[in-house]
Amino acid sequence: MPEMNTNENKPLSQVILDSFKELKETAIAFVNAPKALWGINFPYVIEGLVYFGILTILGKFCSENIGLTDPQAGWIYSAVTGGITFSMLILGGVTDKIGVRMSLILAFLIMMAGRIVVAFSGTVALGQGITSPMFFVMIGGLLLMVTGYGLYQPAAYAGVKRYTNPKTAAMGYAVIYGLMNLGAFFSGFISPITRHNFETVFPPNGLTAVFWIYAILTFIALVATVILLTRKTDQAAVERVVRETAAENKETEKEVDKTTAKEKFNNWPFVGLVVLSIALLVFIIYANINNLALPMALIYGLLSISAVITVWEFLRHRPDHPFRDVRFVFFIFILIPVQTLFAHVWLTLPYYLDRAFHGSMVSEYFELFSNINPILIFILAPVVAGLTAKANVYRMMILGTFVMALPVFLLTAGPNLYLFLTYILIMSIGEAMWQPRFLQWIAEIAPEGKTGLYMGIGQFPWFLTKVVTGLYSGFFIKHYIPKPETGLEQNSGEMWFIYGLIAMISPISLVLAKKWMSKKMEKKA
């Protein structure tokens, strides 16, 4: 496929001006959006603050308040982040049945209840350790939170789709992504201020007070949703969108349902295999958390075999499924190594900043420094999108993943604030270069009429990334950046070197596969 001429050979100064002009127009469109869309966006800022704020402090809470080991805390992270993605797969269709408004209200109620329970676990003396009542109360709260978020995320995106027309949809999704990052940045201020002021009220570190603040903020988001997203504003927004898309809808209304009778087959073997795989995964998590003396290599092997057979059983009846497309499968899974850097933002960075910079301002305000990336993405994403609007998608994927992965090696020199800030800046630029292009590439290689299916399945590796990264992050933290009070030597540079090597697998593989992958685009063109 021939390369596109980037930005039609405009001077760089003109491209930048055009980018900021587009950003200004996007902001104006956002201000003039239907009131119902504000009912999605305003609470989304709060939820971004609370969700990423909890991820930033959850590991420290598990280690210092509950008394778990670093590997055990990593498993909790895997269960929470992976559970949310799995919950979205299960509950995503609920919104279609009960509507966007009721889904959001129900989601906030469940998440608020979960966060209250988590805060309660640190408020009352319930003991410490993996077998303590405190641990099980916290797990119950996290389970509620995971369930609520699994309903919330699909409902929020369904709301954006419901309250935007084809011309403003891209802006709507861009805004909600940006607001999530903006909220995450604010958590970097709220968390340390709360923690330091309530350290004596909620020993040993004031983190319980932060969880209570997050529960209150979830209540505020719930109230804002109820007030802004009424049945009246919902109906008005829908009617406005219908008017604005009347011309486009004429064509889609003419489409005839060409669904043909599908071959019926027995799904029970597949269901049984899924249950077996989940049971093995749960057992492995339980065995690792409790340090059971079992032949884990054998159990991991059984899980791998079960997973492979499950996938085979599913695909053999579905010849047109995206997982039968080898290039598509390669593309979405080869990004897992570089995506681990996203997961390390909450799995590793808070520990690194708290422990490797112990005794400094960085350690005292580790939440703030952990959440610099979101505000950079909030600023950089629209600018980079404007600068690279006409660039070849696959080339941007290669360059973006390289720019994101390479600066990890700056951290191999050891704890240094300036090197860390440089890493965050360059890594954020790389993220802004390739992450928005990920779904665009999937849309371009998807066969006609299957874009939605390809989009949905394209998120599956992100689920695997969150689960797998959590499996080993705790081990690395324990061995490379142990708690300062243990007196053990820290070697964070070696840890980041290994993480850098893992991340570099993605861009190098994309380069090596460029010619082979381009055939897909040439065929599509």
Protein backbone atom coordinates (compact mmCIF):
# COMPACT_ATOMS: atom_id res chain seq x y z
CA MET A 1 0.00 0.00 0.00
CA PRO A 2 1.60 3.33 -1.03
CA GLU A 3 2.54 5.69 1.75
CA MET A 4 0.33 8.74 2.21
CA ASN A 5 1.92 12.16 2.02
CA THR A 6 1.81 13.38 5.58
CA ASN A 7 -0.37 16.50 5.99
CA GLU A 8 -0.12 17.25 2.25
CA ASN A 9 3.40 18.69 2.61
CA LYS A 10 2.20 21.61 4.72
CA PRO A 11 4.85 23.51 6.66
CA LEU A 12 5.25 22.27 10.22
CA SER A 13 4.07 25.63 11.60
CA GLN A 14 0.84 25.38 9.59
CA VAL A 15 0.24 21.80 10.70
CA ILE A 16 0.61 22.86 14.35
CA LEU A 17 -1.76 25.80 13.84
CA ASP A 18 -4.28 23.48 12.17
CA SER A 19 -3.95 21.05 15.07
CA PHE A 20 -4.74 23.72 17.65
CA LYS A 21 -7.58 25.03 15.49
CA GLU A 22 -9.06 21.54 15.43
CA LEU A 23 -8.58 21.31 19.20
CA LYS A 24 -10.45 24.61 19.65
CA GLU A 25 -13.31 23.43 17.44
CA THR A 26 -13.49 20.19 19.43
CA ALA A 27 -13.72 22.13 22.68
CA ILE A 28 -16.52 24.33 21.29
CA ALA A 29 -18.40 21.28 20.07
CA PHE A 30 -18.02 19.71 23.50
CA VAL A 31 -19.43 22.80 25.24
CA ASN A 32 -22.39 22.83 22.84
CA ALA A 33 -23.04 19.11 23.22
CA PRO A 34 -26.44 17.88 24.45
CA LYS A 35 -26.94 18.16 28.21
CA ALA A 36 -27.27 14.38 28.38
CA LEU A 37 -23.67 14.04 27.16
CA TRP A 38 -22.57 16.19 30.10
CA GLY A 39 -24.31 13.60 32.24
CA ILE A 40 -21.79 11.11 30.84
CA ASN A 41 -18.68 13.29 30.75
CA PHE A 42 -18.74 15.10 34.10
CA PRO A 43 -19.14 11.92 36.19
CA TYR A 44 -16.51 10.30 33.96
CA VAL A 45 -13.90 12.80 35.20
CA ILE A 46 -14.74 11.83 38.78
CA GLU A 47 -14.70 8.12 37.98
CA GLY A 48 -11.33 8.46 36.23
CA LEU A 49 -10.01 10.14 39.37
CA VAL A 50 -11.39 7.45 41.68
CA TYR A 51 -10.55 4.41 39.55
CA PHE A 52 -6.93 5.29 38.82
CA GLY A 53 -6.53 6.76 42.29
CA ILE A 54 -7.48 3.39 43.79
CA LEU A 55 -5.13 1.52 41.46
CA THR A 56 -2.28 3.82 42.53
CA ILE A 57 -2.65 3.09 46.27
CA LEU A 58 -4.12 -0.44 46.25
CA GLY A 59 -0.73 -2.16 46.29
CA LYS A 60 0.56 -0.05 49.18
CA PHE A 61 -2.71 -0.69 51.08
CA CYS A 62 -2.38 -4.45 50.56
CA SER A 63 1.27 -4.47 51.65
CA GLU A 64 1.24 -2.08 54.60
CA ASN A 65 -2.32 -2.19 55.90
CA ILE A 66 -3.34 -5.79 55.26
CA GLY A 67 0.15 -7.26 55.49
CA LEU A 68 0.29 -9.11 52.17
CA THR A 69 3.55 -9.85 50.38
CA ASP A 70 4.39 -7.96 47.19
CA PRO A 71 3.62 -10.99 44.95
CA GLN A 72 0.25 -11.43 46.71
CA ALA A 73 -0.55 -7.76 46.12
CA GLY A 74 0.31 -8.27 42.43
CA TRP A 75 -2.23 -11.07 42.25
CA ILE A 76 -4.86 -8.77 43.75
CA TYR A 77 -4.10 -6.27 41.00
CA SER A 78 -4.49 -9.00 38.37
CA ALA A 79 -7.82 -10.07 39.84
CA VAL A 80 -9.14 -6.50 39.92
CA THR A 81 -8.00 -5.23 36.52
CA GLY A 82 -8.53 -8.52 34.71
CA GLY A 83 -11.84 -9.01 36.51
CA ILE A 84 -13.08 -5.64 35.26
CA THR A 85 -12.43 -6.61 31.63
CA PHE A 86 -14.09 -9.99 32.18
CA SER A 87 -17.01 -8.27 33.91
CA MET A 88 -17.46 -5.99 30.90
CA LEU A 89 -17.71 -9.05 28.65
CA ILE A 90 -20.43 -10.49 30.88
CA LEU A 91 -22.40 -7.31 31.67
CA GLY A 92 -21.85 -5.34 28.47
CA GLY A 93 -25.24 -6.37 27.07
CA VAL A 94 -27.16 -5.25 30.16
CA THR A 95 -27.17 -1.64 28.94
CA ASP A 96 -29.06 -2.68 25.81
CA LYS A 97 -31.83 -4.07 28.02
CA ILE A 98 -32.22 -1.46 30.78
CA GLY A 99 -30.90 1.64 29.03
CA VAL A 100 -27.90 3.95 29.49
CA ARG A 101 -29.34 6.02 32.35
CA MET A 102 -30.39 3.11 34.54
CA SER A 103 -27.13 1.26 33.80
CA LEU A 104 -25.03 4.22 34.93
CA ILE A 105 -27.07 4.79 38.09
CA LEU A 106 -26.95 1.09 38.98
CA ALA A 107 -23.20 0.96 38.26
CA PHE A 108 -22.46 3.93 40.53
CA LEU A 109 -24.58 2.44 43.32
CA ILE A 110 -22.68 -0.86 43.14
CA MET A 111 -19.25 0.84 42.90
CA MET A 112 -20.08 3.16 45.79
CA ALA A 113 -21.10 0.20 47.94
CA GLY A 114 -17.86 -1.60 47.04
CA ARG A 115 -15.69 1.38 47.88
CA ILE A 116 -17.47 1.90 51.20
CA VAL A 117 -16.77 -1.75 52.07
CA VAL A 118 -13.07 -1.38 51.13
CA ALA A 119 -12.82 1.76 53.28
CA PHE A 120 -14.60 -0.05 56.12
CA SER A 121 -12.05 -2.87 55.98
CA GLY A 122 -9.33 -0.41 57.00
CA THR A 123 -11.43 1.46 59.54
CA VAL A 124 -12.34 -1.35 61.92
CA ALA A 125 -9.68 -3.54 63.56
CA LEU A 126 -10.13 -6.84 61.71
CA GLY A 127 -6.62 -8.25 61.93
CA GLN A 128 -4.00 -8.60 59.22
CA GLY A 129 -2.82 -11.23 56.78
CA ILE A 130 -4.15 -13.34 53.94
CA THR A 131 -6.56 -15.21 56.23
CA SER A 132 -7.77 -12.18 58.23
CA PRO A 133 -11.35 -10.82 58.16
CA MET A 134 -9.85 -7.54 56.88
CA PHE A 135 -8.59 -9.27 53.75
CA PHE A 136 -11.94 -10.92 53.00
CA VAL A 137 -13.89 -7.72 53.65
CA MET A 138 -11.60 -5.86 51.24
CA ILE A 139 -12.01 -8.63 48.65
CA GLY A 140 -15.79 -8.36 48.98
CA GLY A 141 -15.61 -4.62 48.37
CA LEU A 142 -13.30 -5.03 45.39
CA LEU A 143 -15.64 -7.64 43.92
CA LEU A 144 -18.53 -5.18 44.11
CA MET A 145 -16.35 -2.48 42.56
CA VAL A 146 -15.29 -4.79 39.72
CA THR A 147 -18.92 -5.74 39.04
CA GLY A 148 -20.06 -2.12 38.99
CA TYR A 149 -17.22 -1.00 36.73
CA GLY A 150 -17.96 -3.86 34.35
CA LEU A 151 -21.43 -2.34 33.91
CA TYR A 152 -20.27 1.29 33.99
CA GLN A 153 -17.68 1.32 31.20
CA PRO A 154 -19.91 -0.19 28.45
CA ALA A 155 -22.79 2.05 29.55
CA ALA A 156 -20.63 5.19 29.35
CA TYR A 157 -19.45 4.38 25.83
CA ALA A 158 -22.97 3.40 24.81
CA GLY A 159 -24.05 6.83 26.08
CA VAL A 160 -21.47 8.58 23.93
CA LYS A 161 -22.74 6.65 20.92
CA ARG A 162 -26.36 7.46 21.83
CA TYR A 163 -25.78 11.21 22.25
CA THR A 164 -23.51 11.90 19.27
CA ASN A 165 -24.06 11.78 15.53
CA PRO A 166 -21.67 10.28 12.96
CA LYS A 167 -19.91 13.62 12.55
CA THR A 168 -19.35 14.24 16.27
CA ALA A 169 -18.84 10.64 17.44
CA ALA A 170 -15.05 10.74 17.08
CA MET A 171 -14.96 13.94 19.13
CA GLY A 172 -17.21 12.35 21.75
CA TYR A 173 -14.95 9.33 22.22
CA ALA A 174 -11.83 11.50 22.21
CA VAL A 175 -13.28 13.76 24.90
CA ILE A 176 -14.30 10.91 27.19
CA TYR A 177 -10.83 9.35 26.85
CA GLY A 178 -9.22 12.68 27.64
CA LEU A 179 -11.47 13.33 30.64
CA MET A 180 -10.58 9.93 32.10
CA ASN A 181 -6.90 10.88 31.96
CA LEU A 182 -7.66 14.32 33.41
CA GLY A 183 -9.41 12.72 36.37
CA ALA A 184 -6.50 10.34 36.91
CA PHE A 185 -4.14 13.33 37.12
CA PHE A 186 -6.28 15.00 39.81
CA SER A 187 -6.01 11.88 41.99
CA GLY A 188 -2.30 12.62 42.27
CA PHE A 189 -3.16 15.69 44.36
CA ILE A 190 -6.15 14.46 46.37
CA SER A 191 -4.56 11.22 47.54
CA PRO A 192 -1.32 12.52 49.15
CA ILE A 193 -3.04 15.54 50.73
CA THR A 194 -5.68 13.29 52.31
CA ARG A 195 -3.13 10.65 53.31
CA HIS A 196 -0.82 13.09 55.08
CA ASN A 197 -3.62 14.87 56.95
CA PHE A 198 -5.25 11.67 58.24
CA GLU A 199 -2.17 9.60 58.97
CA THR A 200 -2.78 9.65 62.73
CA VAL A 201 -6.54 9.16 62.41
CA PHE A 202 -6.20 6.12 60.13
CA PRO A 203 -2.83 4.51 60.90
CA PRO A 204 -0.40 3.41 59.66
CA ASN A 205 -0.47 5.64 56.57
CA GLY A 206 -3.83 7.39 56.13
CA LEU A 207 -4.75 5.33 53.06
CA THR A 208 -8.12 4.36 54.59
CA ALA A 209 -9.09 8.05 54.56
CA VAL A 210 -8.33 8.16 50.84
CA PHE A 211 -10.71 5.26 50.23
CA TRP A 212 -13.43 7.11 52.17
CA ILE A 213 -12.86 10.21 50.02
CA TYR A 214 -13.16 8.08 46.90
CA ALA A 215 -16.44 6.59 48.18
CA ILE A 216 -17.79 10.13 48.73
CA LEU A 217 -16.67 11.19 45.24
CA THR A 218 -18.49 8.17 43.79
CA PHE A 219 -21.65 9.38 45.55
CA ILE A 220 -21.15 12.84 43.98
CA ALA A 221 -20.79 11.20 40.55
CA LEU A 222 -24.03 9.29 41.20
CA VAL A 223 -25.90 12.49 42.13
CA ALA A 224 -24.50 14.30 39.07
CA THR A 225 -25.69 11.46 36.83
CA VAL A 226 -29.19 11.55 38.30
CA ILE A 227 -29.42 15.35 37.92
CA LEU A 228 -27.83 15.75 34.49
CA LEU A 229 -29.03 12.57 32.82
CA THR A 230 -32.79 12.65 33.30
CA ARG A 231 -35.35 10.94 31.10
CA LYS A 232 -36.15 14.36 29.66
CA THR A 233 -32.55 15.25 28.73
CA ASP A 234 -32.05 11.73 27.38
CA GLN A 235 -35.05 12.02 25.08
CA ALA A 236 -34.09 15.55 23.97
CA ALA A 237 -30.56 14.40 23.11
CA VAL A 238 -31.82 11.39 21.15
CA GLU A 239 -34.26 13.56 19.17
CA ARG A 240 -31.47 16.03 18.40
CA VAL A 241 -29.15 13.27 17.19
CA VAL A 242 -31.94 11.85 15.01
CA ARG A 243 -32.45 15.25 13.39
CA GLU A 244 -28.71 15.73 12.84
CA THR A 245 -28.26 12.29 11.25
CA ALA A 246 -31.45 12.15 9.20
CA ALA A 247 -29.57 12.21 5.89
CA GLU A 248 -27.11 9.50 6.94
CA ASN A 249 -29.89 7.30 8.28
CA LYS A 250 -31.71 7.22 4.96
CA GLU A 251 -29.07 4.92 3.58
CA THR A 252 -28.86 2.65 6.59
CA GLU A 253 -32.64 2.32 6.77
CA LYS A 254 -32.63 0.92 3.24
CA GLU A 255 -30.40 -1.96 4.21
CA VAL A 256 -32.17 -5.31 4.09
CA ASP A 257 -31.63 -7.96 6.72
CA LYS A 258 -29.69 -10.57 4.85
CA THR A 259 -29.26 -12.92 7.78
CA THR A 260 -29.37 -16.51 6.70
CA ALA A 261 -30.06 -19.57 8.75
CA LYS A 262 -27.03 -20.52 10.76
CA GLU A 263 -25.84 -24.03 11.32
CA LYS A 264 -26.80 -25.26 14.77
CA PHE A 265 -24.19 -27.06 16.83
CA ASN A 266 -23.71 -28.28 20.37
CA ASN A 267 -22.22 -25.53 22.58
CA TRP A 268 -22.02 -27.59 25.76
CA PRO A 269 -18.47 -28.91 25.18
CA PHE A 270 -17.29 -25.31 24.81
CA VAL A 271 -19.15 -24.20 27.96
CA GLY A 272 -17.67 -27.09 29.93
CA LEU A 273 -14.15 -26.24 28.77
CA VAL A 274 -14.62 -22.58 29.72
CA VAL A 275 -15.75 -23.58 33.21
CA LEU A 276 -12.74 -25.91 33.54
CA SER A 277 -10.29 -23.19 32.43
CA ILE A 278 -11.75 -20.63 34.83
CA ALA A 279 -11.67 -23.16 37.69
CA LEU A 280 -7.99 -23.89 37.01
CA LEU A 281 -7.18 -20.16 36.87
CA VAL A 282 -8.97 -19.48 40.17
CA PHE A 283 -7.17 -22.44 41.77
CA ILE A 284 -3.78 -21.14 40.56
CA ILE A 285 -4.50 -17.69 42.02
CA TYR A 286 -5.56 -19.27 45.33
CA ALA A 287 -2.47 -21.51 45.42
CA ASN A 288 -0.09 -18.60 44.72
CA ILE A 289 -1.69 -16.29 47.27
CA ASN A 290 -1.48 -18.97 49.96
CA ASN A 291 1.95 -20.27 48.86
CA LEU A 292 0.68 -23.86 48.63
CA ALA A 293 3.33 -26.51 47.99
CA LEU A 294 1.93 -27.95 44.76
CA PRO A 295 3.41 -28.97 41.36
CA MET A 296 2.53 -25.58 39.85
CA ALA A 297 4.31 -26.29 36.55
CA LEU A 298 1.93 -29.20 35.97
CA ILE A 299 -1.10 -27.11 36.88
CA TYR A 300 0.02 -24.27 34.57
CA GLY A 301 0.44 -26.87 31.83
CA LEU A 302 -3.10 -28.16 32.39
CA LEU A 303 -4.44 -24.61 32.20
CA SER A 304 -2.56 -23.98 28.94
CA ILE A 305 -3.86 -27.20 27.39
CA SER A 306 -7.40 -26.45 28.57
CA ALA A 307 -7.23 -22.93 27.14
CA VAL A 308 -5.94 -24.14 23.76
CA ILE A 309 -8.64 -26.83 23.48
CA THR A 310 -11.30 -24.29 24.52
CA VAL A 311 -10.24 -21.89 21.77
CA TRP A 312 -10.11 -24.71 19.21
CA GLU A 313 -13.59 -25.93 20.19
CA PHE A 314 -14.94 -22.39 19.81
CA LEU A 315 -13.27 -21.62 16.46
CA ARG A 316 -13.89 -24.91 14.68
CA HIS A 317 -17.59 -24.06 14.38
CA ARG A 318 -16.95 -20.43 13.33
CA PRO A 319 -14.90 -20.25 10.11
CA ASP A 320 -15.47 -16.47 9.75
CA HIS A 321 -14.38 -15.56 13.27
CA PRO A 322 -11.60 -12.90 13.56
CA PHE A 323 -9.35 -15.37 15.38
CA ARG A 324 -9.22 -17.35 12.12
CA ASP A 325 -7.51 -14.30 10.58
CA VAL A 326 -3.79 -14.98 11.24
CA ARG A 327 -2.62 -11.42 10.54
CA PHE A 328 -5.27 -9.94 12.82
CA VAL A 329 -4.36 -12.34 15.63
CA PHE A 330 -0.65 -11.55 15.22
CA PHE A 331 -1.28 -7.82 15.29
CA ILE A 332 -3.37 -7.64 18.46
CA PHE A 333 -1.26 -10.11 20.43
CA ILE A 334 2.14 -8.74 19.41
CA LEU A 335 1.20 -5.47 21.13
CA ILE A 336 0.96 -7.17 24.53
CA PRO A 337 4.69 -6.63 25.35
CA VAL A 338 4.51 -2.85 24.90
CA GLN A 339 1.11 -2.73 26.59
CA THR A 340 2.72 -4.08 29.76
CA LEU A 341 4.10 -0.56 30.24
CA PHE A 342 0.52 0.68 30.66
CA ALA A 343 -0.07 -1.91 33.37
CA HIS A 344 3.18 -1.00 35.13
CA VAL A 345 1.85 2.55 35.61
CA TRP A 346 -0.19 1.18 38.53
CA LEU A 347 1.54 -2.18 39.15
CA THR A 348 5.11 -0.94 39.48
CA LEU A 349 5.47 2.85 39.37
CA PRO A 350 3.82 3.56 42.76
CA TYR A 351 6.12 1.03 44.46
CA TYR A 352 9.16 2.33 42.56
CA LEU A 353 8.52 5.97 43.44
CA ASP A 354 7.63 5.18 47.05
CA ARG A 355 10.57 2.85 47.75
CA ALA A 356 13.41 3.72 45.36
CA PHE A 357 13.04 7.46 46.18
CA HIS A 358 12.46 6.79 49.90
CA GLY A 359 12.89 9.86 52.11
CA SER A 360 12.46 12.37 49.25
CA MET A 361 9.58 14.52 48.04
CA VAL A 362 8.98 11.99 45.27
CA SER A 363 8.24 9.29 47.83
CA GLU A 364 6.04 11.60 49.93
CA TYR A 365 3.92 12.45 46.88
CA PHE A 366 4.28 9.25 44.89
CA GLU A 367 0.62 9.43 43.78
CA LEU A 368 1.26 12.75 42.02
CA PHE A 369 4.36 11.52 40.21
CA SER A 370 2.59 8.26 39.31
CA ASN A 371 -0.12 10.21 37.50
CA ILE A 372 1.89 12.60 35.35
CA ASN A 373 1.29 10.43 32.28
CA PRO A 374 -2.52 11.01 32.19
CA ILE A 375 -2.25 14.82 32.08
CA LEU A 376 0.39 14.56 29.36
CA ILE A 377 -1.90 12.31 27.32
CA PHE A 378 -4.77 14.75 27.88
CA ILE A 379 -2.64 17.49 26.30
CA LEU A 380 -0.63 15.49 23.75
CA ALA A 381 -3.27 13.19 22.22
CA PRO A 382 -5.17 15.81 20.16
CA VAL A 383 -1.95 17.60 19.14
CA VAL A 384 -0.19 14.42 18.00
CA ALA A 385 -3.38 13.31 16.24
CA GLY A 386 -3.43 16.56 14.28
CA LEU A 387 0.25 16.36 13.41
CA THR A 388 -0.03 12.77 12.16
CA ALA A 389 -3.58 12.77 10.81
CA LYS A 390 -2.54 11.63 7.32
CA ALA A 391 0.42 9.45 8.26
CA ASN A 392 0.44 5.78 7.32
CA VAL A 393 -1.26 3.88 10.15
CA TYR A 394 1.13 0.92 10.34
CA ARG A 395 4.18 3.19 10.23
CA MET A 396 2.74 5.19 13.14
CA MET A 397 2.23 1.95 15.07
CA ILE A 398 5.92 1.09 14.59
CA LEU A 399 7.23 4.55 15.45
CA GLY A 400 4.85 4.99 18.37
CA THR A 401 5.71 1.67 20.02
CA PHE A 402 9.44 2.35 19.54
CA VAL A 403 9.12 5.81 21.12
CA MET A 404 7.14 4.33 24.00
CA ALA A 405 9.47 1.38 24.68
CA LEU A 406 12.95 2.91 24.22
CA PRO A 407 12.90 5.47 27.07
CA VAL A 408 12.40 2.66 29.61
CA PHE A 409 16.15 2.14 29.40
CA LEU A 410 16.68 5.62 30.90
CA LEU A 411 15.54 4.15 34.21
CA THR A 412 18.30 1.53 34.17
CA ALA A 413 20.70 4.17 35.53
CA GLY A 414 18.94 3.99 38.89
CA PRO A 415 16.56 6.36 40.73
CA ASN A 416 16.92 9.84 39.23
CA LEU A 417 14.05 12.32 39.14
CA TYR A 418 15.15 14.01 35.90
CA LEU A 419 15.57 10.72 34.06
CA PHE A 420 12.17 9.58 35.36
CA LEU A 421 10.44 12.76 34.15
CA THR A 422 12.16 12.43 30.76
CA TYR A 423 10.99 8.82 30.56
CA ILE A 424 7.38 9.79 31.35
CA LEU A 425 7.41 12.58 28.75
CA ILE A 426 8.86 10.50 25.89
CA MET A 427 6.77 7.44 26.80
CA SER A 428 3.61 9.58 26.76
CA ILE A 429 4.47 10.95 23.33
CA GLY A 430 4.85 7.38 22.08
CA GLU A 431 1.52 6.39 23.61
CA ALA A 432 -0.18 9.36 21.92
CA MET A 433 1.37 8.29 18.61
CA TRP A 434 0.21 4.68 18.50
CA GLN A 435 -2.64 4.06 20.94
CA PRO A 436 -5.30 6.04 19.00
CA ARG A 437 -4.16 4.28 15.81
CA PHE A 438 -4.70 0.82 17.27
CA LEU A 439 -8.46 0.72 16.76
CA GLN A 440 -8.11 2.59 13.45
CA TRP A 441 -5.89 -0.22 12.11
CA ILE A 442 -8.36 -2.85 13.28
CA ALA A 443 -11.19 -0.99 11.56
CA GLU A 444 -9.21 -0.81 8.32
CA ILE A 445 -8.33 -4.50 8.14
CA ALA A 446 -11.77 -5.73 9.26
CA PRO A 447 -13.89 -7.34 6.50
CA GLU A 448 -17.00 -5.49 5.41
CA GLY A 449 -19.75 -5.73 8.01
CA LYS A 450 -17.49 -7.11 10.76
CA THR A 451 -15.86 -3.97 12.12
CA GLY A 452 -17.74 -4.13 15.42
CA LEU A 453 -16.80 -7.77 15.98
CA TYR A 454 -13.13 -7.09 15.25
CA MET A 455 -13.18 -4.02 17.54
CA GLY A 456 -14.56 -5.97 20.45
CA ILE A 457 -12.16 -8.89 20.13
CA GLY A 458 -9.27 -6.46 19.66
CA GLN A 459 -9.60 -5.62 23.38
CA PHE A 460 -9.06 -9.22 24.51
CA PRO A 461 -5.22 -9.00 24.63
CA TRP A 462 -5.56 -6.03 26.99
CA PHE A 463 -7.34 -8.36 29.39
CA LEU A 464 -4.47 -10.85 29.10
CA THR A 465 -1.92 -8.05 29.56
CA LYS A 466 -3.43 -6.94 32.85
CA VAL A 467 -3.67 -10.49 34.17
CA VAL A 468 -0.22 -11.69 33.06
CA THR A 469 1.63 -8.53 34.13
CA GLY A 470 0.14 -8.80 37.59
CA LEU A 471 1.43 -12.35 37.88
CA TYR A 472 5.09 -11.36 37.77
CA SER A 473 5.16 -7.69 38.86
CA GLY A 474 4.98 -8.56 42.57
CA PHE A 475 7.92 -10.95 42.23
CA PHE A 476 10.03 -8.25 40.56
CA ILE A 477 9.07 -5.64 43.16
CA LYS A 478 9.93 -7.99 46.01
CA HIS A 479 13.38 -8.83 44.58
CA TYR A 480 14.42 -5.54 42.96
CA ILE A 481 12.82 -2.82 45.12
CA PRO A 482 12.14 -4.34 48.56
CA LYS A 483 10.87 -2.11 51.36
CA PRO A 484 13.66 0.19 52.65
CA GLU A 485 13.06 -0.93 56.24
CA THR A 486 14.08 -4.49 55.32
CA GLY A 487 17.65 -3.32 54.74
CA LEU A 488 17.86 -5.39 51.55
CA GLU A 489 19.67 -3.97 48.52
CA GLN A 490 17.56 -2.42 45.78
CA ASN A 491 18.37 -2.81 42.08
CA SER A 492 15.61 -1.01 40.22
CA GLY A 493 17.82 -0.46 37.16
CA GLU A 494 17.98 -4.18 36.37
CA MET A 495 14.22 -4.48 36.77
CA TRP A 496 13.56 -1.68 34.26
CA PHE A 497 16.12 -3.17 31.88
CA ILE A 498 14.13 -6.41 31.81
CA TYR A 499 10.86 -4.49 31.38
CA GLY A 500 12.45 -2.54 28.52
CA LEU A 501 13.51 -5.73 26.74
CA ILE A 502 9.96 -7.07 27.07
CA ALA A 503 8.44 -3.87 25.65
CA MET A 504 10.85 -3.78 22.68
CA ILE A 505 9.46 -7.10 21.42
CA SER A 506 6.45 -5.24 20.00
CA PRO A 507 8.10 -2.62 17.74
CA ILE A 508 10.81 -5.02 16.53
CA SER A 509 8.19 -7.63 15.63
CA LEU A 510 6.06 -5.01 13.85
CA VAL A 511 9.09 -4.02 11.75
CA LEU A 512 9.92 -7.62 10.86
CA ALA A 513 6.31 -8.33 9.89
CA LYS A 514 5.73 -5.11 7.95
CA LYS A 515 5.83 -6.62 4.47
CA TRP A 516 3.63 -9.56 5.47
CA MET A 517 1.12 -7.33 7.28
CA SER A 518 1.00 -4.85 4.40
CA LYS A 519 -0.53 -7.54 2.19
CA LYS A 520 -3.66 -7.32 4.31
CA MET A 521 -3.95 -3.58 3.70
CA GLU A 522 -3.18 -3.94 -0.02
CA LYS A 523 -5.93 -6.53 -0.36
CA LYS A 524 -8.32 -4.27 1.57
CA ALA A 525 -7.42 -1.29 -0.65
